[in-house]
């Protein structure tokens, strides 16, 4: 998990970086095929600490927009949201290290189309719109309806895959949204399920 604390003796002193990169690529390939008031999300992203790492691929504005979109996909409820776990930064990293140049360009173009649609409807970029307008545009994007088309719909499906992968491989996503057992026990084939039973992180 991205944020799990490492206990002494659990991992080698110098992790195999090539192996870790290969696992990240495999996870991305497997996971990427495919409402809270957000009025302050853009401000929160813009006010990030100066010491925060620079984006690996996206521009600061593209990273900010990715964060706003990620929080709309998985908002904060009784568990942390996508923005809380830094999913937008994970998406930026995945694009930088796992995607080829055409896919990177397509992602940037998808963000640009969303921002252009927002500006056409009121002169403001997507991140600056009221939450209700953001949600309305996202629903149109999800359906591929005007002002968006099939290509935009496909982009949004890809974005949701990135966000879900980033969120559910974070410590909060795996241990609070999902049930997480560091050392699985024996097989139990008959477990009573209730409405509050969580799926398992693997």
Protein backbone atom coordinates (compact mmCIF):
# COMPACT_ATOMS: atom_id res chain seq x y z
CA UNK A 1 0.00 0.00 0.00
CA UNK A 2 1.23 3.48 -0.79
CA UNK A 3 1.15 4.84 2.76
CA UNK A 4 1.58 1.71 4.87
CA UNK A 5 4.21 2.10 7.56
CA UNK A 6 7.08 -0.32 7.14
CA UNK A 7 8.04 -2.24 10.27
CA UNK A 8 11.63 -3.22 10.87
CA UNK A 9 12.37 -6.55 9.27
CA UNK A 10 9.29 -6.57 7.02
CA UNK A 11 11.14 -5.39 3.93
CA UNK A 12 14.74 -5.48 2.75
CA UNK A 13 16.79 -2.40 3.55
CA UNK A 14 17.09 -1.54 -0.15
CA UNK A 15 13.88 -2.47 -2.05
CA UNK A 16 14.19 -3.84 -5.54
CA UNK A 17 13.12 -0.75 -7.53
CA UNK A 18 12.74 -2.64 -10.80
CA UNK A 19 10.40 -5.16 -9.17
CA UNK A 20 8.36 -2.40 -7.54
CA UNK A 21 8.06 -0.56 -10.88
CA UNK A 22 6.98 -3.76 -12.62
CA UNK A 23 4.28 -4.40 -10.01
CA UNK A 24 3.03 -0.82 -10.39
CA UNK A 25 2.78 -1.23 -14.17
CA UNK A 26 0.94 -4.54 -13.78
CA UNK A 27 -1.50 -3.01 -11.32
CA UNK A 28 -2.12 -0.09 -13.66
CA UNK A 29 -2.80 -2.38 -16.61
CA UNK A 30 -5.21 -4.51 -14.57
CA UNK A 31 -7.03 -1.65 -12.95
CA UNK A 32 -7.29 0.93 -15.72
CA UNK A 33 -9.08 -0.90 -18.55
CA UNK A 34 -11.92 0.20 -18.23
CA UNK A 35 -21.52 14.68 -3.14
CA UNK A 36 -19.70 16.82 -0.92
CA UNK A 37 -19.55 20.59 -1.55
CA UNK A 38 -16.45 21.01 -3.70
CA UNK A 39 -16.47 24.79 -3.80
CA UNK A 40 -13.26 24.86 -1.75
CA UNK A 41 -11.44 22.01 -3.46
CA UNK A 42 -9.72 24.24 -6.02
CA UNK A 43 -8.61 26.62 -3.28
CA UNK A 44 -7.32 23.73 -1.19
CA UNK A 45 -5.26 22.44 -4.09
CA UNK A 46 -3.95 25.89 -4.96
CA UNK A 47 -2.96 26.43 -1.34
CA UNK A 48 -0.91 23.24 -1.14
CA UNK A 49 2.37 23.62 0.75
CA UNK A 50 5.21 25.09 -1.29
CA UNK A 51 7.33 22.07 -0.36
CA UNK A 52 4.95 19.71 -2.17
CA UNK A 53 6.64 17.79 -4.97
CA UNK A 54 6.22 19.20 -8.45
CA UNK A 55 3.99 17.18 -10.80
CA UNK A 56 5.79 14.42 -12.67
CA UNK A 57 3.93 14.96 -15.95
CA UNK A 58 0.94 17.29 -15.58
CA UNK A 59 1.10 21.04 -15.31
CA UNK A 60 0.04 22.55 -11.94
CA UNK A 61 -3.33 23.52 -13.48
CA UNK A 62 -3.84 20.00 -14.90
CA UNK A 63 -2.95 18.47 -11.53
CA UNK A 64 -5.43 20.79 -9.83
CA UNK A 65 -8.20 19.83 -12.26
CA UNK A 66 -7.38 16.14 -11.81
CA UNK A 67 -7.75 16.63 -8.05
CA UNK A 68 -11.16 18.29 -8.43
CA UNK A 69 -12.35 15.50 -10.72
CA UNK A 70 -10.96 12.80 -8.43
CA UNK A 71 -12.82 14.23 -5.43
CA UNK A 72 -16.05 14.26 -7.44
CA UNK A 73 -15.50 10.59 -8.32
CA UNK A 74 -14.70 9.53 -4.73
CA UNK A 75 -15.76 12.32 -2.35
CA UNK A 76 -15.05 12.46 1.35
CA UNK A 77 -17.85 10.86 3.41
CA UNK A 78 -17.33 8.97 6.64
CA UNK A 79 -14.06 7.81 5.07
CA UNK A 80 -11.38 9.95 3.38
CA UNK A 81 -11.96 11.02 -0.20
CA UNK A 82 -9.68 10.79 -3.22
CA UNK A 83 -8.21 14.21 -2.51
CA UNK A 84 -7.38 13.25 1.08
CA UNK A 85 -5.18 10.37 -0.08
CA UNK A 86 -3.49 12.36 -2.86
CA UNK A 87 -5.06 10.32 -5.66
CA UNK A 88 -4.43 13.15 -8.14
CA UNK A 89 -0.69 12.92 -7.48
CA UNK A 90 -0.78 9.14 -7.90
CA UNK A 91 -2.59 9.58 -11.23
CA UNK A 92 0.12 12.03 -12.31
CA UNK A 93 2.81 9.51 -11.32
CA UNK A 94 1.08 6.62 -13.11
CA UNK A 95 0.79 8.67 -16.27
CA UNK A 96 4.45 9.64 -16.08
CA UNK A 97 5.86 6.15 -15.52
CA UNK A 98 3.28 3.77 -17.03
CA UNK A 99 1.71 5.57 -20.00
CA UNK A 100 3.30 6.08 -23.39
CA UNK A 101 3.42 9.50 -25.03
CA UNK A 102 0.16 9.13 -27.03
CA UNK A 103 -1.76 8.12 -23.88
CA UNK A 104 -0.24 10.99 -21.95
CA UNK A 105 -1.25 13.45 -24.67
CA UNK A 106 -4.76 11.96 -24.81
CA UNK A 107 -5.17 12.44 -21.05
CA UNK A 108 -4.09 16.07 -21.26
CA UNK A 109 -6.43 16.62 -24.21
CA UNK A 110 -9.31 15.13 -22.21
CA UNK A 111 -8.69 17.55 -19.36
CA UNK A 112 -8.54 20.43 -21.85
CA UNK A 113 -11.92 19.45 -23.35
CA UNK A 114 -13.54 19.41 -19.91
CA UNK A 115 -12.15 22.84 -19.10
CA UNK A 116 -13.21 24.19 -22.51
CA UNK A 117 -16.77 22.91 -22.02
CA UNK A 118 -16.90 24.59 -18.62
CA UNK A 119 -15.66 27.91 -20.01
CA UNK A 120 -18.12 27.77 -22.92
CA UNK A 121 -20.99 27.60 -20.44
CA UNK A 122 -19.95 30.51 -18.25
CA UNK A 123 -16.42 31.67 -18.86
CA UNK A 124 -14.93 29.89 -15.85
CA UNK A 125 -12.71 26.83 -15.81
CA UNK A 126 -14.13 23.61 -14.37
CA UNK A 127 -12.31 23.97 -11.04
CA UNK A 128 -13.87 27.41 -10.47
CA UNK A 129 -17.47 26.37 -11.14
CA UNK A 130 -20.06 25.92 -8.35
CA UNK A 131 -20.34 22.32 -7.15
CA UNK A 132 -23.80 21.83 -8.70
CA UNK A 133 -22.51 22.89 -12.13
CA UNK A 134 -19.47 20.61 -11.79
CA UNK A 135 -21.70 17.64 -11.01
CA UNK A 136 -24.03 18.44 -13.93
CA UNK A 137 -21.10 18.57 -16.35
CA UNK A 138 -19.67 15.35 -14.95
CA UNK A 139 -22.99 13.57 -15.45
CA UNK A 140 -23.05 14.72 -19.07
CA UNK A 141 -19.44 13.58 -19.42
CA UNK A 142 -20.27 10.17 -17.94
CA UNK A 143 -23.15 9.78 -20.40
CA UNK A 144 -21.23 11.17 -23.37
CA UNK A 145 -24.02 13.69 -23.94
CA UNK A 146 -23.77 17.35 -25.00
CA UNK A 147 -21.50 19.22 -24.69
CA UNK A 148 -19.41 16.04 -24.65
CA UNK A 149 -19.10 13.13 -27.05
CA UNK A 150 -18.03 9.46 -27.07
CA UNK A 151 -14.32 10.33 -26.90
CA UNK A 152 -14.91 12.38 -23.76
CA UNK A 153 -16.94 9.56 -22.26
CA UNK A 154 -14.07 7.16 -22.89
CA UNK A 155 -11.64 9.58 -21.30
CA UNK A 156 -13.80 9.83 -18.19
CA UNK A 157 -13.97 6.06 -17.85
CA UNK A 158 -10.18 5.97 -17.99
CA UNK A 159 -9.94 8.75 -15.41
CA UNK A 160 -12.27 6.88 -13.06
CA UNK A 161 -10.08 3.79 -13.43
CA UNK A 162 -6.99 5.78 -12.51
CA UNK A 163 -8.72 7.37 -9.51
CA UNK A 164 -10.11 4.05 -8.25
CA UNK A 165 -6.70 2.40 -8.55
CA UNK A 166 -5.01 5.30 -6.75
CA UNK A 167 -7.62 5.38 -3.99
CA UNK A 168 -7.93 1.67 -3.25
CA UNK A 169 -4.18 1.12 -3.18
CA UNK A 170 -3.76 3.92 -0.62
CA UNK A 171 -3.63 3.08 3.07
CA UNK A 172 -6.96 4.80 3.77
CA UNK A 173 -8.71 3.22 0.80
CA UNK A 174 -7.47 -0.28 1.63
CA UNK A 175 -8.01 -0.16 5.39
CA UNK A 176 -11.02 2.14 5.88
CA UNK A 177 -13.08 1.76 2.71
CA UNK A 178 -12.10 -1.89 2.30
CA UNK A 179 -11.29 -4.54 4.90
CA UNK A 180 -7.57 -5.28 5.09
CA UNK A 181 -5.84 -8.28 6.64
CA UNK A 182 -2.03 -8.01 6.46
CA UNK A 183 -1.52 -11.75 7.02
CA UNK A 184 -4.52 -13.74 5.71
CA UNK A 185 -5.62 -16.71 7.79
CA UNK A 186 -7.19 -19.98 6.71
CA UNK A 187 -10.02 -20.28 4.21
CA UNK A 188 -13.52 -19.69 5.60
CA UNK A 189 -16.13 -20.64 3.05
CA UNK A 190 -19.22 -19.65 5.03
CA UNK A 191 -19.19 -16.07 6.30
CA UNK A 192 -22.43 -14.24 7.03
CA UNK A 193 -22.72 -11.04 5.01
CA UNK A 194 -24.48 -7.92 6.26
CA UNK A 195 -25.07 -4.47 4.79
CA UNK A 196 -21.93 -3.24 6.55
CA UNK A 197 -19.64 -6.07 5.41
CA UNK A 198 -16.68 -4.62 3.49
CA UNK A 199 -15.07 -6.06 0.42
CA UNK A 200 -11.48 -7.17 0.96
CA UNK A 201 -8.37 -5.36 -0.21
CA UNK A 202 -6.00 -7.70 -2.04
